[in-house]
Structures are given as C-alpha cells and as structure tokens.
N, C-alpha and C. Protein backbone atom coordinates (compact mmCIF):
# COMPACT_ATOMS: atom_id res chain seq x y z
N MET A 1 0.79 -1.14 -0.04
CA MET A 1 -0.01 -0.08 -0.04
C MET A 1 0.76 1.18 -0.06
N SER A 2 0.42 2.25 -0.77
CA SER A 2 1.29 3.45 -0.84
C SER A 2 1.26 4.38 0.45
N ARG A 3 2.35 4.93 0.69
CA ARG A 3 2.28 5.81 1.87
C ARG A 3 1.71 7.22 1.71
N TYR A 4 1.29 7.32 0.41
CA TYR A 4 0.76 8.64 0.00
C TYR A 4 -0.76 8.55 -0.24
N VAL A 5 -1.38 9.52 0.18
CA VAL A 5 -2.96 9.64 -0.04
C VAL A 5 -3.18 10.76 -1.01
N THR A 6 -3.79 10.50 -2.26
CA THR A 6 -4.12 11.35 -3.33
C THR A 6 -5.56 11.90 -3.08
N GLN A 7 -5.58 13.26 -3.07
CA GLN A 7 -7.08 13.85 -2.96
C GLN A 7 -7.13 15.19 -3.48
N ALA A 8 -8.36 15.52 -3.59
CA ALA A 8 -8.47 16.80 -4.14
C ALA A 8 -8.25 17.82 -2.91
N ALA A 9 -7.63 19.06 -3.27
CA ALA A 9 -7.32 20.12 -2.19
C ALA A 9 -8.57 20.84 -1.78
N ALA A 10 -8.60 21.32 -0.59
CA ALA A 10 -9.61 22.08 -0.03
C ALA A 10 -9.03 23.45 0.05
N PRO A 11 -10.25 24.54 0.14
CA PRO A 11 -9.62 26.00 0.10
C PRO A 11 -8.76 26.13 1.42
N GLU A 12 -8.97 25.52 2.48
CA GLU A 12 -8.14 25.76 3.65
C GLU A 12 -6.85 25.24 3.72
N GLN A 13 -6.48 24.53 2.61
CA GLN A 13 -5.05 24.11 2.32
C GLN A 13 -4.26 25.05 1.44
N ILE A 14 -4.73 26.00 0.91
CA ILE A 14 -4.16 26.85 0.00
C ILE A 14 -2.66 27.37 0.57
N GLY A 15 -2.88 27.78 1.81
CA GLY A 15 -1.60 28.23 2.44
C GLY A 15 -0.48 27.21 2.40
N GLU A 16 -0.85 25.99 2.70
CA GLU A 16 0.22 24.76 2.74
C GLU A 16 0.80 24.62 1.30
N ILE A 17 -0.33 24.74 0.51
CA ILE A 17 0.04 24.53 -1.05
C ILE A 17 1.00 25.53 -1.62
N LEU A 18 0.84 26.85 -1.22
CA LEU A 18 1.74 27.79 -1.54
C LEU A 18 3.00 27.71 -0.95
N ALA A 19 3.09 27.44 0.26
CA ALA A 19 4.37 27.14 0.88
C ALA A 19 5.22 26.02 0.31
N LEU A 20 4.46 25.05 -0.19
CA LEU A 20 5.11 23.73 -0.77
C LEU A 20 5.65 24.38 -2.12
N ILE A 21 4.93 25.21 -2.94
CA ILE A 21 5.35 25.48 -4.23
C ILE A 21 6.42 26.74 -4.06
N ARG A 22 6.44 27.54 -3.04
CA ARG A 22 7.51 28.39 -2.87
C ARG A 22 8.86 27.74 -2.57
N GLU A 23 8.82 26.75 -1.67
CA GLU A 23 9.95 26.02 -1.17
C GLU A 23 10.49 25.07 -1.99
N HIS A 24 9.56 24.24 -2.85
CA HIS A 24 10.19 23.21 -3.74
C HIS A 24 9.95 23.56 -5.25
N GLY A 25 9.38 24.49 -5.54
CA GLY A 25 9.17 24.75 -7.08
C GLY A 25 10.01 25.61 -7.62
N PRO A 26 10.75 26.58 -7.07
CA PRO A 26 11.80 27.15 -7.67
C PRO A 26 13.08 26.30 -8.23
N ASN A 27 13.37 26.53 -9.52
CA ASN A 27 14.49 25.99 -10.10
C ASN A 27 14.84 26.82 -11.40
N PRO A 28 16.02 26.65 -11.89
CA PRO A 28 16.17 27.47 -13.26
C PRO A 28 15.19 27.32 -14.17
N TRP A 29 14.28 26.45 -14.26
CA TRP A 29 13.24 26.11 -15.28
C TRP A 29 11.95 26.71 -15.02
N ASN A 30 11.58 26.90 -13.86
CA ASN A 30 10.28 27.27 -13.41
C ASN A 30 10.06 28.81 -13.50
N TYR A 31 8.92 29.31 -13.88
CA TYR A 31 8.53 30.60 -13.80
C TYR A 31 7.47 30.91 -12.77
N LEU A 32 7.74 31.45 -11.67
CA LEU A 32 6.80 31.34 -10.47
C LEU A 32 6.53 32.77 -9.95
N PRO A 33 5.88 33.70 -10.86
CA PRO A 33 5.82 35.15 -10.28
C PRO A 33 4.92 35.05 -9.03
N GLU A 34 5.17 35.69 -8.02
CA GLU A 34 4.40 35.73 -6.74
C GLU A 34 3.05 36.05 -7.00
N VAL A 35 2.71 37.31 -7.53
CA VAL A 35 1.28 37.73 -7.66
C VAL A 35 0.31 36.79 -8.35
N GLU A 36 1.08 36.22 -9.76
CA GLU A 36 0.33 35.44 -10.39
C GLU A 36 0.02 34.03 -9.81
N LEU A 37 0.99 33.61 -9.08
CA LEU A 37 0.93 32.30 -8.21
C LEU A 37 -0.18 32.53 -7.34
N ALA A 38 -0.06 33.50 -6.44
CA ALA A 38 -0.91 33.73 -5.37
C ALA A 38 -2.57 33.85 -5.89
N THR A 39 -2.68 34.59 -7.00
CA THR A 39 -3.97 34.71 -7.78
C THR A 39 -4.48 33.42 -8.23
N HIS A 40 -3.62 32.64 -8.79
CA HIS A 40 -3.96 31.22 -9.28
C HIS A 40 -4.48 30.34 -8.21
N LEU A 41 -3.77 30.48 -7.19
CA LEU A 41 -4.30 29.63 -5.88
C LEU A 41 -5.41 30.14 -5.26
N ALA A 42 -5.54 31.36 -5.18
CA ALA A 42 -7.00 31.87 -4.67
C ALA A 42 -8.13 31.38 -5.36
N GLY A 43 -7.89 30.91 -6.68
CA GLY A 43 -9.07 30.60 -7.53
C GLY A 43 -9.47 29.20 -6.95
N ILE A 44 -8.65 28.52 -6.07
CA ILE A 44 -9.19 27.28 -5.27
C ILE A 44 -10.48 27.74 -4.48
N ARG A 45 -10.25 28.76 -3.73
CA ARG A 45 -11.44 29.29 -2.92
C ARG A 45 -12.62 29.67 -3.63
N ARG A 46 -12.45 30.25 -4.91
CA ARG A 46 -13.50 30.66 -5.55
C ARG A 46 -14.05 29.65 -6.51
N GLY A 47 -13.41 28.39 -6.69
CA GLY A 47 -13.80 27.25 -7.30
C GLY A 47 -13.46 27.28 -8.95
N ARG A 48 -12.64 28.30 -9.07
CA ARG A 48 -12.04 28.35 -10.51
C ARG A 48 -11.03 27.36 -10.69
N THR A 49 -10.09 27.34 -9.80
CA THR A 49 -8.71 26.48 -9.83
C THR A 49 -9.07 25.27 -9.10
N GLN A 50 -8.62 24.26 -9.33
CA GLN A 50 -8.74 22.97 -8.70
C GLN A 50 -7.27 22.50 -8.42
N ALA A 51 -7.02 21.60 -7.38
CA ALA A 51 -5.77 20.99 -7.31
C ALA A 51 -5.86 19.63 -6.67
N MET A 52 -5.02 18.77 -7.27
CA MET A 52 -4.92 17.52 -6.53
C MET A 52 -3.61 17.54 -5.79
N ILE A 53 -3.70 16.77 -4.65
CA ILE A 53 -2.59 16.64 -3.86
C ILE A 53 -2.15 15.49 -3.30
N ALA A 54 -0.93 15.28 -2.96
CA ALA A 54 -0.58 13.98 -2.21
C ALA A 54 0.04 14.46 -0.88
N VAL A 55 -0.63 13.62 -0.05
CA VAL A 55 -0.45 13.83 1.50
C VAL A 55 0.28 12.57 2.17
N ALA A 56 1.38 12.86 2.91
CA ALA A 56 2.21 11.84 3.71
C ALA A 56 2.53 12.29 5.07
N ASP A 57 2.09 11.44 6.01
CA ASP A 57 2.19 11.87 7.34
C ASP A 57 1.40 13.15 7.69
N GLY A 58 0.37 13.54 7.04
CA GLY A 58 -0.22 14.69 7.39
C GLY A 58 0.10 15.83 6.66
N ALA A 59 1.18 15.79 5.86
CA ALA A 59 1.78 16.92 5.15
C ALA A 59 1.43 16.95 3.51
N ILE A 60 1.27 17.95 2.94
CA ILE A 60 1.22 17.96 1.54
C ILE A 60 2.62 17.83 0.91
N VAL A 61 2.77 16.86 0.13
CA VAL A 61 4.23 16.79 -0.35
C VAL A 61 4.20 16.98 -1.92
N ALA A 62 3.01 16.95 -2.53
CA ALA A 62 3.01 17.29 -3.98
C ALA A 62 1.71 17.81 -4.43
N VAL A 63 1.59 18.56 -5.46
CA VAL A 63 0.40 19.42 -5.96
C VAL A 63 0.55 19.36 -7.31
N VAL A 64 -0.66 19.31 -8.13
CA VAL A 64 -0.78 19.75 -9.45
C VAL A 64 -2.11 20.49 -9.35
N THR A 65 -2.02 21.72 -9.92
CA THR A 65 -3.26 22.61 -10.08
C THR A 65 -3.68 22.64 -11.54
N PHE A 66 -5.06 22.91 -11.61
CA PHE A 66 -5.61 22.86 -12.92
C PHE A 66 -6.99 23.81 -13.03
N GLU A 67 -7.24 24.13 -14.35
CA GLU A 67 -8.53 24.95 -14.32
C GLU A 67 -8.97 24.86 -15.90
N PRO A 68 -10.40 25.23 -16.05
CA PRO A 68 -10.70 25.54 -17.33
C PRO A 68 -9.95 26.68 -17.86
N SER A 69 -9.75 26.72 -19.29
CA SER A 69 -9.07 27.79 -19.89
C SER A 69 -9.52 28.21 -21.39
N ASP A 70 -9.31 29.28 -21.72
CA ASP A 70 -9.67 29.53 -23.20
C ASP A 70 -8.19 30.11 -23.85
N ALA A 71 -7.15 29.87 -23.19
CA ALA A 71 -5.81 30.50 -23.58
C ALA A 71 -5.14 29.77 -24.84
N PHE A 72 -5.76 28.46 -24.91
CA PHE A 72 -4.93 27.86 -25.95
C PHE A 72 -5.68 27.39 -27.38
N HIS A 73 -6.81 28.42 -27.53
CA HIS A 73 -7.52 28.18 -28.84
C HIS A 73 -6.88 28.10 -30.13
N ARG A 74 -5.55 28.72 -30.24
CA ARG A 74 -4.91 28.56 -31.38
C ARG A 74 -4.36 27.31 -31.64
N TYR A 75 -4.41 26.21 -30.64
CA TYR A 75 -4.02 25.01 -30.70
C TYR A 75 -4.90 23.90 -30.88
N GLN A 76 -6.19 24.44 -30.80
CA GLN A 76 -7.33 23.69 -30.75
C GLN A 76 -7.64 22.90 -32.25
N PRO A 77 -8.09 21.54 -32.08
CA PRO A 77 -8.36 20.90 -33.56
C PRO A 77 -9.59 21.87 -34.08
N ALA A 78 -9.60 21.58 -35.30
CA ALA A 78 -10.60 22.19 -36.33
C ALA A 78 -11.86 21.95 -35.74
N GLY A 79 -12.80 23.04 -35.70
CA GLY A 79 -14.17 22.93 -35.24
C GLY A 79 -14.15 23.12 -33.73
N ARG A 80 -13.20 23.18 -32.98
CA ARG A 80 -13.08 23.27 -31.49
C ARG A 80 -12.43 24.42 -31.07
N GLU A 81 -12.21 25.35 -32.01
CA GLU A 81 -11.36 26.58 -31.64
C GLU A 81 -11.85 27.46 -30.47
N ILE A 82 -13.26 27.39 -30.15
CA ILE A 82 -13.87 28.21 -29.08
C ILE A 82 -14.31 27.39 -27.99
N ALA A 83 -13.99 26.21 -28.10
CA ALA A 83 -14.37 25.27 -26.86
C ALA A 83 -13.36 25.58 -25.71
N TRP A 84 -13.81 25.46 -24.49
CA TRP A 84 -12.98 25.53 -23.40
C TRP A 84 -11.91 24.30 -23.35
N GLN A 85 -10.92 24.59 -22.83
CA GLN A 85 -9.73 23.60 -22.62
C GLN A 85 -9.52 23.47 -21.23
N GLY A 86 -8.76 22.41 -20.92
CA GLY A 86 -8.18 22.23 -19.57
C GLY A 86 -6.75 22.74 -19.59
N HIS A 87 -6.25 23.40 -18.53
CA HIS A 87 -4.93 23.99 -18.36
C HIS A 87 -4.28 23.40 -16.95
N VAL A 88 -3.16 22.83 -17.13
CA VAL A 88 -2.43 22.49 -15.81
C VAL A 88 -1.58 23.64 -15.47
N GLY A 89 -1.63 24.14 -14.24
CA GLY A 89 -0.85 25.26 -14.05
C GLY A 89 0.41 24.97 -13.37
N GLU A 90 0.39 24.42 -12.13
CA GLU A 90 1.61 23.95 -11.38
C GLU A 90 1.66 22.45 -10.97
N ALA A 91 2.74 22.14 -11.13
CA ALA A 91 3.23 20.52 -10.78
C ALA A 91 4.52 20.57 -9.93
N VAL A 92 4.31 20.44 -8.66
CA VAL A 92 5.51 20.68 -7.82
C VAL A 92 5.59 19.32 -6.85
N VAL A 93 6.64 18.63 -6.61
CA VAL A 93 6.87 17.53 -5.75
C VAL A 93 7.91 18.16 -4.71
N HIS A 94 7.48 17.90 -3.58
CA HIS A 94 8.68 18.10 -2.54
C HIS A 94 9.88 17.30 -2.69
N ARG A 95 11.17 18.01 -2.62
CA ARG A 95 12.48 17.30 -2.84
C ARG A 95 12.59 16.04 -2.22
N ALA A 96 12.23 15.72 -1.12
CA ALA A 96 12.48 14.54 -0.44
C ALA A 96 11.42 13.41 -1.04
N HIS A 97 10.57 13.74 -1.81
CA HIS A 97 9.52 12.74 -2.29
C HIS A 97 9.48 12.52 -3.73
N ARG A 98 10.56 13.22 -4.54
CA ARG A 98 10.81 13.11 -5.82
C ARG A 98 11.13 11.68 -6.14
N GLY A 99 10.81 11.18 -7.47
CA GLY A 99 11.21 9.88 -8.06
C GLY A 99 10.28 8.91 -7.48
N GLN A 100 9.14 9.13 -6.92
CA GLN A 100 8.18 8.15 -6.44
C GLN A 100 7.02 8.04 -7.30
N GLY A 101 6.96 8.84 -8.40
CA GLY A 101 5.83 8.96 -9.39
C GLY A 101 4.78 9.79 -8.90
N LEU A 102 4.89 10.57 -7.99
CA LEU A 102 3.80 11.38 -7.47
C LEU A 102 3.32 12.62 -8.58
N GLY A 103 4.25 12.99 -9.30
CA GLY A 103 3.90 14.07 -10.19
C GLY A 103 2.99 13.46 -11.31
N SER A 104 3.39 12.42 -11.82
CA SER A 104 2.64 11.65 -12.79
C SER A 104 1.34 11.12 -12.30
N ARG A 105 1.25 10.70 -11.07
CA ARG A 105 0.02 10.21 -10.24
C ARG A 105 -0.89 11.35 -10.30
N LEU A 106 -0.46 12.52 -9.80
CA LEU A 106 -1.39 13.63 -9.51
C LEU A 106 -1.96 14.36 -10.96
N LEU A 107 -1.01 14.20 -11.83
CA LEU A 107 -1.15 14.62 -13.20
C LEU A 107 -2.38 13.90 -13.75
N THR A 108 -2.29 12.52 -13.74
CA THR A 108 -3.35 11.56 -14.31
C THR A 108 -4.67 11.85 -13.55
N ALA A 109 -4.54 12.15 -12.17
CA ALA A 109 -5.83 12.44 -11.37
C ALA A 109 -6.35 13.78 -11.77
N ALA A 110 -5.56 14.82 -12.27
CA ALA A 110 -6.13 16.04 -12.47
C ALA A 110 -6.60 15.88 -14.02
N VAL A 111 -6.06 15.17 -14.95
CA VAL A 111 -6.77 14.95 -16.18
C VAL A 111 -8.05 14.22 -16.02
N ALA A 112 -8.13 13.30 -15.14
CA ALA A 112 -9.55 12.53 -14.94
C ALA A 112 -10.41 13.52 -14.56
N ARG A 113 -10.06 14.32 -13.60
CA ARG A 113 -11.01 15.55 -13.13
C ARG A 113 -11.58 16.46 -14.09
N MET A 114 -10.54 16.97 -15.05
CA MET A 114 -10.83 17.80 -16.24
C MET A 114 -11.79 17.00 -17.18
N ARG A 115 -11.44 15.82 -17.47
CA ARG A 115 -12.35 14.99 -18.33
C ARG A 115 -13.85 14.86 -17.68
N ALA A 116 -13.93 14.76 -16.43
CA ALA A 116 -15.36 14.65 -15.81
C ALA A 116 -15.95 16.14 -15.99
N MET A 117 -15.12 17.19 -16.07
CA MET A 117 -15.69 18.50 -16.27
C MET A 117 -16.13 18.54 -17.60
N GLY A 118 -15.77 17.76 -18.59
CA GLY A 118 -16.19 17.83 -20.04
C GLY A 118 -15.16 18.58 -20.95
N LEU A 119 -13.78 18.69 -20.26
CA LEU A 119 -12.80 19.36 -21.20
C LEU A 119 -12.12 18.11 -21.97
N ARG A 120 -12.13 18.33 -23.13
CA ARG A 120 -11.50 17.32 -24.05
C ARG A 120 -10.11 17.61 -24.49
N GLU A 121 -9.73 18.71 -24.49
CA GLU A 121 -8.21 19.04 -24.81
C GLU A 121 -7.57 19.61 -23.59
N ILE A 122 -6.52 19.19 -23.18
CA ILE A 122 -5.79 19.68 -21.91
C ILE A 122 -4.31 19.92 -22.31
N TYR A 123 -3.98 21.13 -21.68
CA TYR A 123 -2.66 21.81 -22.35
C TYR A 123 -1.75 21.93 -20.97
N ILE A 124 -0.52 21.87 -21.26
CA ILE A 124 0.49 22.14 -20.09
C ILE A 124 1.80 22.56 -20.76
N GLU A 125 2.50 23.58 -20.13
CA GLU A 125 3.65 24.31 -20.73
C GLU A 125 4.82 23.90 -19.59
N ARG A 126 5.89 24.06 -20.22
CA ARG A 126 7.05 23.91 -19.40
C ARG A 126 8.35 24.62 -20.17
N HIS A 127 9.45 24.76 -19.57
CA HIS A 127 10.72 25.22 -20.11
C HIS A 127 10.98 23.99 -21.00
N GLU A 128 11.46 24.50 -22.19
CA GLU A 128 11.83 23.29 -23.32
C GLU A 128 12.94 22.56 -22.62
N ASP A 129 13.82 22.95 -21.72
CA ASP A 129 14.95 22.21 -21.37
C ASP A 129 14.68 21.52 -20.16
N ASN A 130 13.54 21.55 -19.31
CA ASN A 130 13.17 20.88 -18.34
C ASN A 130 12.83 19.41 -18.58
N GLU A 131 13.85 18.69 -18.53
CA GLU A 131 13.66 16.93 -18.82
C GLU A 131 12.79 16.39 -17.75
N GLY A 132 12.78 16.72 -16.48
CA GLY A 132 12.02 16.20 -15.57
C GLY A 132 10.51 16.30 -15.78
N SER A 133 10.29 17.57 -16.07
CA SER A 133 8.78 17.75 -16.37
C SER A 133 8.49 17.02 -17.66
N ALA A 134 9.22 17.24 -18.62
CA ALA A 134 8.96 16.43 -20.00
C ALA A 134 8.59 15.04 -19.81
N GLY A 135 9.30 14.33 -18.82
CA GLY A 135 9.11 12.88 -18.60
C GLY A 135 7.79 12.67 -18.00
N MET A 136 7.43 13.54 -16.78
CA MET A 136 6.30 13.33 -16.25
C MET A 136 5.05 13.46 -17.32
N MET A 137 5.16 14.65 -18.15
CA MET A 137 4.07 14.90 -19.00
C MET A 137 3.97 13.64 -20.03
N ARG A 138 5.10 13.16 -20.58
CA ARG A 138 4.98 12.05 -21.42
C ARG A 138 4.36 10.78 -20.97
N LYS A 139 4.70 10.53 -19.51
CA LYS A 139 4.29 9.41 -18.91
C LYS A 139 2.70 9.59 -18.63
N ALA A 140 2.06 10.91 -18.61
CA ALA A 140 0.69 11.06 -18.48
C ALA A 140 -0.07 11.03 -19.94
N GLY A 141 0.64 10.87 -21.01
CA GLY A 141 0.27 10.88 -22.27
C GLY A 141 0.22 12.31 -23.09
N PHE A 142 0.73 13.27 -22.56
CA PHE A 142 0.86 14.47 -23.31
C PHE A 142 1.94 14.43 -24.45
N GLU A 143 1.68 15.17 -25.47
CA GLU A 143 2.58 15.21 -26.63
C GLU A 143 2.92 16.75 -26.90
N VAL A 144 4.07 17.02 -27.31
CA VAL A 144 4.44 18.35 -27.45
C VAL A 144 3.84 18.74 -28.85
N ILE A 145 3.36 19.98 -28.91
CA ILE A 145 2.56 20.54 -30.05
C ILE A 145 3.26 21.82 -30.52
N ASP A 146 4.03 22.41 -29.68
CA ASP A 146 4.63 23.63 -30.09
C ASP A 146 5.83 24.03 -29.27
N VAL A 147 6.79 24.70 -29.71
CA VAL A 147 7.85 25.28 -28.83
C VAL A 147 8.19 26.72 -29.37
N TYR A 148 8.20 27.60 -28.51
CA TYR A 148 8.41 28.95 -28.91
C TYR A 148 9.43 29.67 -28.07
N ASP A 149 9.92 30.93 -28.62
CA ASP A 149 10.94 31.82 -27.94
C ASP A 149 9.89 32.48 -26.73
N ASP A 150 10.44 32.53 -25.43
CA ASP A 150 9.59 33.03 -24.41
C ASP A 150 10.54 33.79 -23.51
N PRO A 151 11.21 34.80 -23.98
CA PRO A 151 12.28 35.44 -23.05
C PRO A 151 11.81 36.04 -21.72
N ARG A 152 10.56 36.33 -21.84
CA ARG A 152 9.96 36.84 -20.47
C ARG A 152 9.87 35.78 -19.39
N ARG A 153 9.50 34.70 -19.77
CA ARG A 153 9.46 33.61 -18.54
C ARG A 153 10.46 32.69 -18.63
N ARG A 154 11.29 32.55 -19.60
CA ARG A 154 12.42 31.54 -19.75
C ARG A 154 13.90 32.26 -19.95
N VAL A 155 14.32 32.53 -18.62
CA VAL A 155 15.66 33.40 -18.88
C VAL A 155 16.96 32.44 -18.82
N VAL A 156 16.82 31.30 -18.93
CA VAL A 156 17.88 30.32 -18.77
C VAL A 156 17.79 29.26 -19.95
N GLY A 157 18.98 28.71 -20.32
CA GLY A 157 18.93 27.69 -21.29
C GLY A 157 18.45 28.14 -22.64
N SER A 158 17.65 27.39 -23.18
CA SER A 158 17.04 27.78 -24.72
C SER A 158 16.17 29.02 -24.47
N GLY A 159 15.80 29.35 -23.46
CA GLY A 159 14.75 30.61 -23.46
C GLY A 159 13.48 30.31 -24.24
N ARG A 160 13.09 28.89 -24.12
CA ARG A 160 11.77 28.53 -24.96
C ARG A 160 10.81 27.73 -24.09
N THR A 161 9.53 28.02 -24.43
CA THR A 161 8.38 27.22 -23.83
C THR A 161 8.06 26.06 -24.71
N SER A 162 7.87 25.08 -24.18
CA SER A 162 7.33 23.90 -24.83
C SER A 162 5.67 23.77 -24.42
N VAL A 163 4.85 23.63 -25.46
CA VAL A 163 3.43 23.36 -25.09
C VAL A 163 3.15 22.02 -25.41
N SER A 164 2.55 21.28 -24.50
CA SER A 164 2.03 19.80 -24.78
C SER A 164 0.54 19.78 -24.76
N ARG A 165 -0.14 18.97 -25.30
CA ARG A 165 -1.58 18.61 -25.41
C ARG A 165 -1.92 17.13 -25.05
N LEU A 166 -2.97 16.85 -24.57
CA LEU A 166 -3.53 15.57 -24.34
C LEU A 166 -4.97 15.72 -24.89
N LEU A 167 -5.29 14.82 -25.84
CA LEU A 167 -6.69 14.86 -26.49
C LEU A 167 -7.48 13.86 -25.96
N ALA A 168 -8.73 14.09 -26.00
CA ALA A 168 -9.79 13.01 -25.62
C ALA A 168 -9.70 11.82 -26.41
N LEU A 169 -9.84 10.68 -25.86
CA LEU A 169 -9.75 9.33 -26.46
C LEU A 169 -11.07 9.04 -27.27
N ASP A 170 -11.77 9.86 -27.90
CA ASP A 170 -13.24 9.53 -28.42
C ASP A 170 -13.03 9.53 -29.78
C-alpha cells in the first residue's frame, strides 16, 4: 500500500500548497511570479482553480493545479477553436519525495477531473529544457505540439516554452 494519499485540495489548504510551491518549486526552469501564483491559488477558494494533492504523514508533499481555460484556442483541433480547454498550472513535488511517481500520479488524477468536467483537450507548458517535467508529461500521455521563444518567462537555457496537449480518446 502506498504511503501517499491522493485527494482533491480544499480551500483551507491553499496556504500549505503555496508554501510547498515556494519552497520546492523554484528551479532554473520554472516561472513562478508571486502575484500570479497567489491569484492562481486563490482560485481554489472561488472554485475556478482545482488541485490534486499527495499527502504523507499529514503533510502535503506534492500538488498539481488545473483549471478551465480559453488561452490555447490557437492549438485547438478544427471545429473546436472556441471550446473550453483544460490547463495544468503548477506541478510541484517536495524534494524528499521526488522519484516516487507522484507528479505523474497527480497529473493523471487532474486529467481525470478535467475529463469529468467535459474538457476534451488539456494543455500544459514547461521550459523546453526541463527534462524532468517532460518525462512526467509524456508518462501522463501528453505530446509536444509547439515550442516558442519566451524570453519573459524563460531566462536560462534555450529560453523557449514547450506546449504539450492531451486529446480526448473518443
């Protein structure tokens, strides 16, 4: 039996989620602006943003946030350009718990939640050079559909953002 419990986050857990992301999210590849991050997580309280978390020994050790979005319309299949899409915002695992498959497990759970919401296309972004995130995304079934120069968010390495998509299986 796994030592991790996977569950949906509750509004009263926003502070603990924010602390986890602040402590274990920063690395050369991640773009984590404070105001946008706080606004994104406040969406949990309003019901706009959702999060799946992994809990071990009473503490949140991993999180994946997600929400409906219309920001990826340019990547939508023909005839679905104006349909809502799913968007994965943050995926962070506590350093001491990495390598256990938690990121992939939470990402898969988030995808299932978005599918239940009727979202057929789901998008996620990462720094082009972030191989750890790339592996997690591939494991969950995402495929890279675009890579573009992004000097505002990507100040190291290639300076490019990779966009991946997961399509519905219908």
